[in-house]
Amino acid sequence: MTALVTGGAGFIGSNLVEELVRSGEDVIVLDNLQTGSLRNLEGLDVEIVTMSCNDIPRLDVNADRIFHLGIPSSSPMYRDNPFLVGEALNGFVAVMELARRCDARVVYASTSSLYNGLEPPHREDMEIKVTDYYTEARFAMERIAELYRKLFGVSSLGMRFFSVYGPKEESKGRYANMVTQFLWGMMRKETPVIYGDGSQTRDFIYVRDVVRALILAMDSDYNGVLNIGTGRAHSFNDVIHILGRRLGVEVRPRYVENPIKNYVQHTLADISKAEICLGFRAAYSLEDGINEIIQYYTTCIRR
């Protein structure tokens, strides 16, 4: 079995590739390295193709399974460059055309940001509002996936990831998860800056759980979209408190006025559908995940 992982040198992708290689799978990584890094793949026996998903039509490759994670993955990226919407959609069509040619199943990254403006807990059957470029791109991808299923029988599953954090986020820089950004700042003895009063909440999910969900999704025959979260929400203040306790430091954040329009105040996944369709339930608590990333990033800095 050969798996193609787009965005395989990125944060979630490289963690997935590591697990696929460990399980004995042949892996092809496709990544343009904009928010990925070859360092994330060091020591892994994989084929690496450095290109954009939009270039897939000229790629001579066969794959039994396609994990499509090579998509610009942060709302600020799209605010800065609205033309990323077209790039993301063209890349997705290229992936679906490859899947059609290879008769491959596709598991792809969608986002919980689609629930912006909706009251939690968030369910897959909620009516999605128009909020920003990023969510419009992801929602269109979900509809294109359904189109390919109806027209050509391409099997696919979109994963509406909630707030994913974990090892190998360094190359994402300012687009990394807030848990990780808070940790990096505190390790540099910087005062955390929080928009508002810190009461905003996220359903934070550790990347190892996300990797397990991706593999379960690929091994399933379910088509459509699923929430991938923990079913529990924590505030930014909670995160700062846990990090400070684990690091053994007293932290007093600096609270500033929120400058972002359409800011997502709360996210919380209804995970009942993923439990039924995949048998998936997150194994890591926020405390467990924070313990692991402290160990990982402390080791990276020392190295």
C-alpha atoms as a PDB file:
ATOM      1  CA  MET A   1       0.000   0.000   0.000  1.00  0.00           C
ATOM      2  CA  THR A   2       1.260   3.430  -0.945  1.00  0.00           C
ATOM      3  CA  ALA A   3       0.032   6.546   0.809  1.00  0.00           C
ATOM      4  CA  LEU A   4       0.414  10.044  -0.615  1.00  0.00           C
ATOM      5  CA  VAL A   5       0.458  12.723   2.086  1.00  0.00           C
ATOM      6  CA  THR A   6       0.160  16.268   0.802  1.00  0.00           C
ATOM      7  CA  GLY A   7       1.550  18.727   3.323  1.00  0.00           C
ATOM      8  CA  GLY A   8       3.514  15.803   4.727  1.00  0.00           C
ATOM      9  CA  ALA A   9       6.403  18.011   5.894  1.00  0.00           C
ATOM     10  CA  GLY A  10       4.036  20.225   7.868  1.00  0.00           C
ATOM     11  CA  PHE A  11       2.803  19.973  11.433  1.00  0.00           C
ATOM     12  CA  ILE A  12      -0.045  17.446  11.267  1.00  0.00           C
ATOM     13  CA  GLY A  13       1.285  15.855   8.088  1.00  0.00           C
ATOM     14  CA  SER A  14       4.717  14.977   9.467  1.00  0.00           C
ATOM     15  CA  ASN A  15       3.205  13.457  12.598  1.00  0.00           C
ATOM     16  CA  LEU A  16       0.966  11.355  10.355  1.00  0.00           C
ATOM     17  CA  VAL A  17       3.877  10.339   8.111  1.00  0.00           C
ATOM     18  CA  GLU A  18       5.860   9.219  11.149  1.00  0.00           C
ATOM     19  CA  GLU A  19       3.034   6.892  12.198  1.00  0.00           C
ATOM     20  CA  LEU A  20       2.468   5.552   8.665  1.00  0.00           C
ATOM     21  CA  VAL A  21       6.167   4.720   8.290  1.00  0.00           C
ATOM     22  CA  ARG A  22       6.169   3.084  11.706  1.00  0.00           C
ATOM     23  CA  SER A  23       3.314   0.837  10.574  1.00  0.00           C
ATOM     24  CA  GLY A  24       5.285  -0.257   7.477  1.00  0.00           C
ATOM     25  CA  GLU A  25       3.471   1.787   4.839  1.00  0.00           C
ATOM     26  CA  ASP A  26       5.192   3.192   1.742  1.00  0.00           C
ATOM     27  CA  VAL A  27       4.804   6.968   1.881  1.00  0.00           C
ATOM     28  CA  ILE A  28       5.149   9.728  -0.695  1.00  0.00           C
ATOM     29  CA  VAL A  29       5.280  13.233   0.773  1.00  0.00           C
ATOM     30  CA  LEU A  30       4.253  16.175  -1.385  1.00  0.00           C
ATOM     31  CA  ASP A  31       4.937  19.605   0.126  1.00  0.00           C
ATOM     32  CA  ASN A  32       5.867  23.076  -1.147  1.00  0.00           C
ATOM     33  CA  LEU A  33       7.562  23.789   2.222  1.00  0.00           C
ATOM     34  CA  GLN A  34       5.805  27.126   2.772  1.00  0.00           C
ATOM     35  CA  THR A  35       4.770  26.137   6.310  1.00  0.00           C
ATOM     36  CA  GLY A  36       6.525  22.766   6.358  1.00  0.00           C
ATOM     37  CA  SER A  37      10.114  21.751   6.954  1.00  0.00           C
ATOM     38  CA  LEU A  38      12.234  18.829   5.834  1.00  0.00           C
ATOM     39  CA  ARG A  39      13.536  18.696   9.429  1.00  0.00           C
ATOM     40  CA  ASN A  40      10.139  17.263  10.379  1.00  0.00           C
ATOM     41  CA  LEU A  41      10.928  14.213   8.223  1.00  0.00           C
ATOM     42  CA  GLU A  42      14.479  13.561   9.358  1.00  0.00           C
ATOM     43  CA  GLY A  43      15.186   9.864   9.813  1.00  0.00           C
ATOM     44  CA  LEU A  44      12.029   8.762   7.991  1.00  0.00           C
ATOM     45  CA  ASP A  45      12.275   6.548   4.886  1.00  0.00           C
ATOM     46  CA  VAL A  46       9.910   8.404   2.562  1.00  0.00           C
ATOM     47  CA  GLU A  47       9.882   9.738  -0.987  1.00  0.00           C
ATOM     48  CA  ILE A  48       9.732  13.538  -0.961  1.00  0.00           C
ATOM     49  CA  VAL A  49       8.318  15.608  -3.822  1.00  0.00           C
ATOM     50  CA  THR A  50       8.773  19.364  -3.387  1.00  0.00           C
ATOM     51  CA  MET A  51       5.882  20.977  -5.218  1.00  0.00           C
ATOM     52  CA  SER A  52       2.451  22.506  -4.771  1.00  0.00           C
ATOM     53  CA  CYS A  53      -0.745  20.484  -4.936  1.00  0.00           C
ATOM     54  CA  ASN A  54      -1.638  22.609  -7.945  1.00  0.00           C
ATOM     55  CA  ASP A  55       1.205  20.894  -9.812  1.00  0.00           C
ATOM     56  CA  ILE A  56      -0.170  17.379  -9.243  1.00  0.00           C
ATOM     57  CA  PRO A  57      -1.489  17.055 -12.843  1.00  0.00           C
ATOM     58  CA  ARG A  58       2.132  16.862 -14.063  1.00  0.00           C
ATOM     59  CA  LEU A  59       3.128  14.387 -11.342  1.00  0.00           C
ATOM     60  CA  ASP A  60       3.564  10.756 -12.394  1.00  0.00           C
ATOM     61  CA  VAL A  61       2.520   8.952  -9.230  1.00  0.00           C
ATOM     62  CA  ASN A  62       0.184   6.208  -8.123  1.00  0.00           C
ATOM     63  CA  ALA A  63      -1.292   6.026  -4.647  1.00  0.00           C
ATOM     64  CA  ASP A  64      -3.741   3.707  -2.963  1.00  0.00           C
ATOM     65  CA  ARG A  65      -4.577   6.221  -0.239  1.00  0.00           C
ATOM     66  CA  ILE A  66      -4.377  10.017  -0.268  1.00  0.00           C
ATOM     67  CA  PHE A  67      -4.220  12.151   2.860  1.00  0.00           C
ATOM     68  CA  HIS A  68      -4.704  15.753   1.732  1.00  0.00           C
ATOM     69  CA  LEU A  69      -3.304  18.106   4.371  1.00  0.00           C
ATOM     70  CA  GLY A  70      -1.374  20.442   2.057  1.00  0.00           C
ATOM     71  CA  ILE A  71      -3.831  23.331   2.261  1.00  0.00           C
ATOM     72  CA  PRO A  72      -3.192  26.853   3.623  1.00  0.00           C
ATOM     73  CA  SER A  73      -4.515  26.302   7.124  1.00  0.00           C
ATOM     74  CA  SER A  74      -5.001  29.570   8.972  1.00  0.00           C
ATOM     75  CA  SER A  75      -7.595  32.312   8.579  1.00  0.00           C
ATOM     76  CA  PRO A  76      -5.007  35.145   8.735  1.00  0.00           C
ATOM     77  CA  MET A  77      -3.260  33.692   5.668  1.00  0.00           C
ATOM     78  CA  TYR A  78      -6.444  34.212   3.655  1.00  0.00           C
ATOM     79  CA  ARG A  79      -7.066  37.690   5.072  1.00  0.00           C
ATOM     80  CA  ASP A  80      -3.584  38.652   3.927  1.00  0.00           C
ATOM     81  CA  ASN A  81      -4.026  36.986   0.520  1.00  0.00           C
ATOM     82  CA  PRO A  82      -7.619  36.263  -0.579  1.00  0.00           C
ATOM     83  CA  PHE A  83      -6.296  34.582  -3.746  1.00  0.00           C
ATOM     84  CA  LEU A  84      -5.395  31.603  -1.545  1.00  0.00           C
ATOM     85  CA  VAL A  85      -9.057  30.596  -1.897  1.00  0.00           C
ATOM     86  CA  GLY A  86      -8.524  29.800  -5.564  1.00  0.00           C
ATOM     87  CA  GLU A  87      -5.200  28.115  -4.859  1.00  0.00           C
ATOM     88  CA  ALA A  88      -6.749  25.877  -2.200  1.00  0.00           C
ATOM     89  CA  LEU A  89      -9.677  24.896  -4.417  1.00  0.00           C
ATOM     90  CA  ASN A  90      -7.544  24.226  -7.495  1.00  0.00           C
ATOM     91  CA  GLY A  91      -5.209  22.102  -5.388  1.00  0.00           C
ATOM     92  CA  PHE A  92      -8.167  20.166  -4.048  1.00  0.00           C
ATOM     93  CA  VAL A  93      -9.543  19.504  -7.538  1.00  0.00           C
ATOM     94  CA  ALA A  94      -6.068  18.272  -8.562  1.00  0.00           C
ATOM     95  CA  VAL A  95      -6.073  15.862  -5.601  1.00  0.00           C
ATOM     96  CA  MET A  96      -9.558  14.583  -6.444  1.00  0.00           C
ATOM     97  CA  GLU A  97      -8.583  14.098 -10.092  1.00  0.00           C
ATOM     98  CA  LEU A  98      -5.570  12.048  -8.964  1.00  0.00           C
ATOM     99  CA  ALA A  99      -7.811   9.994  -6.682  1.00  0.00           C
ATOM    100  CA  ARG A 100     -10.189   9.424  -9.578  1.00  0.00           C
ATOM    101  CA  ARG A 101      -7.327   8.210 -11.790  1.00  0.00           C
ATOM    102  CA  CYS A 102      -5.775   5.974  -9.104  1.00  0.00           C
ATOM    103  CA  ASP A 103      -9.083   4.787  -7.611  1.00  0.00           C
ATOM    104  CA  ALA A 104      -7.818   6.025  -4.245  1.00  0.00           C
ATOM    105  CA  ARG A 105      -9.718   7.061  -1.150  1.00  0.00           C
ATOM    106  CA  VAL A 106      -9.130  10.627   0.081  1.00  0.00           C
ATOM    107  CA  VAL A 107      -9.094  11.849   3.678  1.00  0.00           C
ATOM    108  CA  TYR A 108      -8.680  15.606   3.806  1.00  0.00           C
ATOM    109  CA  ALA A 109      -8.417  18.440   6.316  1.00  0.00           C
ATOM    110  CA  SER A 110     -11.440  20.632   6.842  1.00  0.00           C
ATOM    111  CA  THR A 111     -11.874  22.933   9.849  1.00  0.00           C
ATOM    112  CA  SER A 112     -13.999  23.705  12.897  1.00  0.00           C
ATOM    113  CA  SER A 113     -13.767  27.383  11.885  1.00  0.00           C
ATOM    114  CA  LEU A 114     -16.808  26.629   9.726  1.00  0.00           C
ATOM    115  CA  TYR A 115     -18.849  26.892  12.938  1.00  0.00           C
ATOM    116  CA  ASN A 116     -17.939  30.559  13.426  1.00  0.00           C
ATOM    117  CA  GLY A 117     -20.991  32.408  14.726  1.00  0.00           C
ATOM    118  CA  LEU A 118     -22.799  29.234  15.800  1.00  0.00           C
ATOM    119  CA  GLU A 119     -23.484  28.271  19.400  1.00  0.00           C
ATOM    120  CA  PRO A 120     -21.588  25.228  20.724  1.00  0.00           C
ATOM    121  CA  PRO A 121     -21.614  22.308  20.913  1.00  0.00           C
ATOM    122  CA  HIS A 122     -20.952  22.202  17.182  1.00  0.00           C
ATOM    123  CA  ARG A 123     -22.572  19.486  15.082  1.00  0.00           C
ATOM    124  CA  GLU A 124     -21.890  18.484  11.494  1.00  0.00           C
ATOM    125  CA  ASP A 125     -25.495  19.178  10.466  1.00  0.00           C
ATOM    126  CA  MET A 126     -25.425  22.863  11.467  1.00  0.00           C
ATOM    127  CA  GLU A 127     -26.103  25.459   8.775  1.00  0.00           C
ATOM    128  CA  ILE A 128     -22.773  27.128   7.979  1.00  0.00           C
ATOM    129  CA  LYS A 129     -22.674  30.937   7.981  1.00  0.00           C
ATOM    130  CA  VAL A 130     -20.649  33.167   5.670  1.00  0.00           C
ATOM    131  CA  THR A 131     -17.775  34.530   7.796  1.00  0.00           C
ATOM    132  CA  ASP A 132     -14.421  34.674   5.990  1.00  0.00           C
ATOM    133  CA  TYR A 133     -12.297  33.529   3.027  1.00  0.00           C
ATOM    134  CA  TYR A 134     -10.785  30.575   4.885  1.00  0.00           C
ATOM    135  CA  THR A 135     -14.079  28.963   5.816  1.00  0.00           C
ATOM    136  CA  GLU A 136     -15.546  29.558   2.359  1.00  0.00           C
ATOM    137  CA  ALA A 137     -12.602  27.675   0.840  1.00  0.00           C
ATOM    138  CA  ARG A 138     -13.003  24.726   3.192  1.00  0.00           C
ATOM    139  CA  PHE A 139     -16.784  24.571   2.807  1.00  0.00           C
ATOM    140  CA  ALA A 140     -16.402  24.604  -0.979  1.00  0.00           C
ATOM    141  CA  MET A 141     -13.928  21.720  -0.703  1.00  0.00           C
ATOM    142  CA  GLU A 142     -16.493  19.669   1.195  1.00  0.00           C
ATOM    143  CA  ARG A 143     -19.049  20.293  -1.549  1.00  0.00           C
ATOM    144  CA  ILE A 144     -16.538  19.451  -4.306  1.00  0.00           C
ATOM    145  CA  ALA A 145     -15.766  16.181  -2.501  1.00  0.00           C
ATOM    146  CA  GLU A 146     -19.451  15.305  -2.563  1.00  0.00           C
ATOM    147  CA  LEU A 147     -19.577  16.211  -6.261  1.00  0.00           C
ATOM    148  CA  TYR A 148     -16.712  13.807  -7.032  1.00  0.00           C
ATOM    149  CA  ARG A 149     -18.481  11.073  -5.087  1.00  0.00           C
ATOM    150  CA  LYS A 150     -21.704  11.582  -7.059  1.00  0.00           C
ATOM    151  CA  LEU A 151     -20.101  11.974 -10.482  1.00  0.00           C
ATOM    152  CA  PHE A 152     -17.173   9.555 -10.285  1.00  0.00           C
ATOM    153  CA  GLY A 153     -17.574   7.445  -7.144  1.00  0.00           C
ATOM    154  CA  VAL A 154     -14.513   8.943  -5.417  1.00  0.00           C
ATOM    155  CA  SER A 155     -14.620   7.986  -1.741  1.00  0.00           C
ATOM    156  CA  SER A 156     -13.609  10.741   0.697  1.00  0.00           C
ATOM    157  CA  LEU A 157     -13.951  11.978   4.255  1.00  0.00           C
ATOM    158  CA  GLY A 158     -13.407  15.560   5.421  1.00  0.00           C
ATOM    159  CA  MET A 159     -12.081  16.011   8.951  1.00  0.00           C
ATOM    160  CA  ARG A 160     -13.299  19.162  10.676  1.00  0.00           C
ATOM    161  CA  PHE A 161     -10.308  19.546  12.970  1.00  0.00           C
ATOM    162  CA  PHE A 162     -10.785  21.581  16.113  1.00  0.00           C
ATOM    163  CA  SER A 163      -7.777  23.274  17.776  1.00  0.00           C
ATOM    164  CA  VAL A 164      -4.817  20.972  17.060  1.00  0.00           C
ATOM    165  CA  TYR A 165      -1.505  21.382  18.912  1.00  0.00           C
ATOM    166  CA  GLY A 166       1.594  19.263  19.436  1.00  0.00           C
ATOM    167  CA  PRO A 167       5.179  18.551  18.327  1.00  0.00           C
ATOM    168  CA  LYS A 168       6.641  19.775  15.026  1.00  0.00           C
ATOM    169  CA  GLU A 169       4.818  23.099  14.886  1.00  0.00           C
ATOM    170  CA  GLU A 170       8.001  25.186  14.650  1.00  0.00           C
ATOM    171  CA  SER A 171       7.772  25.800  10.912  1.00  0.00           C
ATOM    172  CA  LYS A 172       4.253  27.243  11.277  1.00  0.00           C
ATOM    173  CA  GLY A 173       5.616  30.221  13.202  1.00  0.00           C
ATOM    174  CA  ARG A 174       2.894  32.740  14.025  1.00  0.00           C
ATOM    175  CA  TYR A 175       0.263  30.384  12.602  1.00  0.00           C
ATOM    176  CA  ALA A 176       0.974  27.725  15.244  1.00  0.00           C
ATOM    177  CA  ASN A 177      -1.682  26.794  17.784  1.00  0.00           C
ATOM    178  CA  MET A 178      -2.079  29.167  20.732  1.00  0.00           C
ATOM    179  CA  VAL A 179      -1.157  26.435  23.242  1.00  0.00           C
ATOM    180  CA  THR A 180       2.198  26.076  21.516  1.00  0.00           C
ATOM    181  CA  GLN A 181       2.689  29.814  21.018  1.00  0.00           C
ATOM    182  CA  PHE A 182       2.013  30.467  24.691  1.00  0.00           C
ATOM    183  CA  LEU A 183       4.532  27.775  25.617  1.00  0.00           C
ATOM    184  CA  TRP A 184       7.219  29.155  23.305  1.00  0.00           C
ATOM    185  CA  GLY A 185       6.766  32.646  24.732  1.00  0.00           C
ATOM    186  CA  MET A 186       6.852  31.485  28.330  1.00  0.00           C
ATOM    187  CA  MET A 187      10.011  29.479  27.662  1.00  0.00           C
ATOM    188  CA  ARG A 188      11.549  32.764  26.434  1.00  0.00           C
ATOM    189  CA  LYS A 189      10.367  34.470  29.674  1.00  0.00           C
ATOM    190  CA  GLU A 190       7.884  36.601  27.712  1.00  0.00           C
ATOM    191  CA  THR A 191       4.535  37.750  29.081  1.00  0.00           C
ATOM    192  CA  PRO A 192       1.639  36.052  27.245  1.00  0.00           C
ATOM    193  CA  VAL A 193      -0.633  38.450  25.359  1.00  0.00           C
ATOM    194  CA  ILE A 194      -4.322  37.501  25.204  1.00  0.00           C
ATOM    195  CA  TYR A 195      -7.078  39.164  23.207  1.00  0.00           C
ATOM    196  CA  GLY A 196      -9.983  40.092  25.484  1.00  0.00           C
ATOM    197  CA  ASP A 197     -10.182  38.716  29.015  1.00  0.00           C
ATOM    198  CA  GLY A 198      -8.973  35.184  28.290  1.00  0.00           C
ATOM    199  CA  SER A 199     -12.404  33.605  28.703  1.00  0.00           C
ATOM    200  CA  GLN A 200     -12.572  32.518  25.048  1.00  0.00           C
ATOM    201  CA  THR A 201     -12.548  28.730  24.788  1.00  0.00           C
ATOM    202  CA  ARG A 202     -11.268  26.137  22.350  1.00  0.00           C
ATOM    203  CA  ASP A 203     -11.657  22.416  21.986  1.00  0.00           C
ATOM    204  CA  PHE A 204      -7.919  21.680  22.062  1.00  0.00           C
ATOM    205  CA  ILE A 205      -6.949  18.300  20.607  1.00  0.00           C
ATOM    206  CA  TYR A 206      -3.476  16.762  20.709  1.00  0.00           C
ATOM    207  CA  VAL A 207      -1.955  15.872  17.344  1.00  0.00           C
ATOM    208  CA  ARG A 208      -1.430  12.196  18.246  1.00  0.00           C
ATOM    209  CA  ASP A 209      -5.196  11.862  18.585  1.00  0.00           C
ATOM    210  CA  VAL A 210      -5.661  13.588  15.233  1.00  0.00           C
ATOM    211  CA  VAL A 211      -3.242  11.158  13.572  1.00  0.00           C
ATOM    212  CA  ARG A 212      -5.175   8.221  14.974  1.00  0.00           C
ATOM    213  CA  ALA A 213      -8.423   9.749  13.692  1.00  0.00           C
ATOM    214  CA  LEU A 214      -6.935  10.219  10.215  1.00  0.00           C
ATOM    215  CA  ILE A 215      -5.913   6.571   9.997  1.00  0.00           C
ATOM    216  CA  LEU A 216      -9.269   5.372  11.306  1.00  0.00           C
ATOM    217  CA  ALA A 217     -10.938   7.592   8.708  1.00  0.00           C
ATOM    218  CA  MET A 218      -8.857   6.133   5.891  1.00  0.00           C
ATOM    219  CA  ASP A 219      -9.616   2.578   7.000  1.00  0.00           C
ATOM    220  CA  SER A 220     -13.356   3.293   7.167  1.00  0.00           C
ATOM    221  CA  ASP A 221     -15.850   3.404   4.314  1.00  0.00           C
ATOM    222  CA  TYR A 222     -17.674   6.490   5.615  1.00  0.00           C
ATOM    223  CA  ASN A 223     -18.136   9.399   3.182  1.00  0.00           C
ATOM    224  CA  GLY A 224     -18.899  12.960   4.268  1.00  0.00           C
ATOM    225  CA  VAL A 225     -17.521  15.124   7.086  1.00  0.00           C
ATOM    226  CA  LEU A 226     -16.790  14.487  10.759  1.00  0.00           C
ATOM    227  CA  ASN A 227     -15.797  16.608  13.739  1.00  0.00           C
ATOM    228  CA  ILE A 228     -12.428  15.707  15.230  1.00  0.00           C
ATOM    229  CA  GLY A 229     -12.118  17.159  18.712  1.00  0.00           C
ATOM    230  CA  THR A 230     -12.228  16.098  22.345  1.00  0.00           C
ATOM    231  CA  GLY A 231     -15.735  17.189  23.294  1.00  0.00           C
ATOM    232  CA  ARG A 232     -14.233  19.370  26.040  1.00  0.00           C
ATOM    233  CA  ALA A 233     -13.399  23.083  25.954  1.00  0.00           C
ATOM    234  CA  HIS A 234     -10.777  25.072  27.863  1.00  0.00           C
ATOM    235  CA  SER A 235     -10.259  28.817  28.104  1.00  0.00           C
ATOM    236  CA  PHE A 236      -7.020  30.588  27.218  1.00  0.00           C
ATOM    237  CA  ASN A 237      -6.733  31.412  30.914  1.00  0.00           C
ATOM    238  CA  ASP A 238      -6.896  27.663  31.650  1.00  0.00           C
ATOM    239  CA  VAL A 239      -4.068  27.040  29.189  1.00  0.00           C
ATOM    240  CA  ILE A 240      -1.840  29.715  30.753  1.00  0.00           C
ATOM    241  CA  HIS A 241      -2.543  28.325  34.224  1.00  0.00           C
ATOM    242  CA  ILE A 242      -1.680  24.737  33.230  1.00  0.00           C
ATOM    243  CA  LEU A 243       1.482  25.812  31.401  1.00  0.00           C
ATOM    244  CA  GLY A 244       2.621  27.929  34.338  1.00  0.00           C
ATOM    245  CA  ARG A 245       2.012  25.112  36.793  1.00  0.00           C
ATOM    246  CA  ARG A 246       3.866  22.587  34.634  1.00  0.00           C
ATOM    247  CA  LEU A 247       6.789  24.975  34.071  1.00  0.00           C
ATOM    248  CA  GLY A 248       6.878  25.984  37.716  1.00  0.00           C
ATOM    249  CA  VAL A 249       6.451  29.712  37.030  1.00  0.00           C
ATOM    250  CA  GLU A 250       3.869  32.310  37.992  1.00  0.00           C
ATOM    251  CA  VAL A 251       2.410  33.942  34.901  1.00  0.00           C
ATOM    252  CA  ARG A 252       0.275  37.065  34.629  1.00  0.00           C
ATOM    253  CA  PRO A 253      -0.945  37.551  31.050  1.00  0.00           C
ATOM    254  CA  ARG A 254      -1.336  40.944  29.430  1.00  0.00           C
ATOM    255  CA  TYR A 255      -4.900  41.406  28.183  1.00  0.00           C
ATOM    256  CA  VAL A 256      -5.452  43.621  25.131  1.00  0.00           C
ATOM    257  CA  GLU A 257      -8.427  44.669  23.033  1.00  0.00           C
ATOM    258  CA  ASN A 258      -9.292  42.129  20.340  1.00  0.00           C
ATOM    259  CA  PRO A 259      -8.597  43.665  16.892  1.00  0.00           C
ATOM    260  CA  ILE A 260     -10.035  40.780  14.839  1.00  0.00           C
ATOM    261  CA  LYS A 261     -13.454  40.959  13.194  1.00  0.00           C
ATOM    262  CA  ASN A 262     -15.506  37.731  13.177  1.00  0.00           C
ATOM    263  CA  TYR A 263     -13.351  36.363  15.996  1.00  0.00           C
ATOM    264  CA  VAL A 264     -14.308  32.841  17.030  1.00  0.00           C
ATOM    265  CA  GLN A 265     -15.147  33.110  20.723  1.00  0.00           C
ATOM    266  CA  HIS A 266     -15.918  29.482  21.536  1.00  0.00           C
ATOM    267  CA  THR A 267     -15.448  26.079  19.916  1.00  0.00           C
ATOM    268  CA  LEU A 268     -16.648  22.750  21.224  1.00  0.00           C
ATOM    269  CA  ALA A 269     -17.046  19.594  19.148  1.00  0.00           C
ATOM    270  CA  ASP A 270     -20.012  17.311  19.296  1.00  0.00           C
ATOM    271  CA  ILE A 271     -18.016  14.131  18.713  1.00  0.00           C
ATOM    272  CA  SER A 272     -20.872  11.631  18.760  1.00  0.00           C
ATOM    273  CA  LYS A 273     -20.790  11.082  14.990  1.00  0.00           C
ATOM    274  CA  ALA A 274     -17.039  10.335  14.937  1.00  0.00           C
ATOM    275  CA  GLU A 275     -17.544   7.889  17.793  1.00  0.00           C
ATOM    276  CA  ILE A 276     -20.257   6.052  15.859  1.00  0.00           C
ATOM    277  CA  CYS A 277     -18.637   6.142  12.399  1.00  0.00           C
ATOM    278  CA  LEU A 278     -14.983   5.657  13.344  1.00  0.00           C
ATOM    279  CA  GLY A 279     -14.971   4.444  16.923  1.00  0.00           C
ATOM    280  CA  PHE A 280     -12.851   7.520  17.658  1.00  0.00           C
ATOM    281  CA  ARG A 281     -12.542   9.235  20.995  1.00  0.00           C
ATOM    282  CA  ALA A 282      -9.604  11.424  22.016  1.00  0.00           C
ATOM    283  CA  ALA A 283      -7.238   9.766  24.476  1.00  0.00           C
ATOM    284  CA  TYR A 284      -5.198  12.823  25.531  1.00  0.00           C
ATOM    285  CA  SER A 285      -6.436  15.393  28.029  1.00  0.00           C
ATOM    286  CA  LEU A 286      -5.142  18.949  27.687  1.00  0.00           C
ATOM    287  CA  GLU A 287      -2.874  18.334  30.677  1.00  0.00           C
ATOM    288  CA  ASP A 288      -1.464  15.171  29.056  1.00  0.00           C
ATOM    289  CA  GLY A 289      -0.784  16.964  25.781  1.00  0.00           C
ATOM    290  CA  ILE A 290       0.852  19.943  27.475  1.00  0.00           C
ATOM    291  CA  ASN A 291       3.141  17.593  29.408  1.00  0.00           C
ATOM    292  CA  GLU A 292       4.273  16.052  26.107  1.00  0.00           C
ATOM    293  CA  ILE A 293       4.888  19.307  24.250  1.00  0.00           C
ATOM    294  CA  ILE A 294       6.856  20.757  27.164  1.00  0.00           C
ATOM    295  CA  GLN A 295       9.124  17.726  27.007  1.00  0.00           C
ATOM    296  CA  TYR A 296       9.377  17.911  23.205  1.00  0.00           C
ATOM    297  CA  TYR A 297      10.071  21.632  22.848  1.00  0.00           C
ATOM    298  CA  THR A 298      12.413  21.728  25.827  1.00  0.00           C
ATOM    299  CA  THR A 299      14.431  18.971  24.177  1.00  0.00           C
ATOM    300  CA  CYS A 300      14.411  20.818  20.823  1.00  0.00           C
ATOM    301  CA  ILE A 301      15.743  24.013  22.393  1.00  0.00           C
ATOM    302  CA  ARG A 302      18.468  22.165  24.250  1.00  0.00           C
ATOM    303  CA  ARG A 303      19.439  20.377  21.042  1.00  0.00           C
END
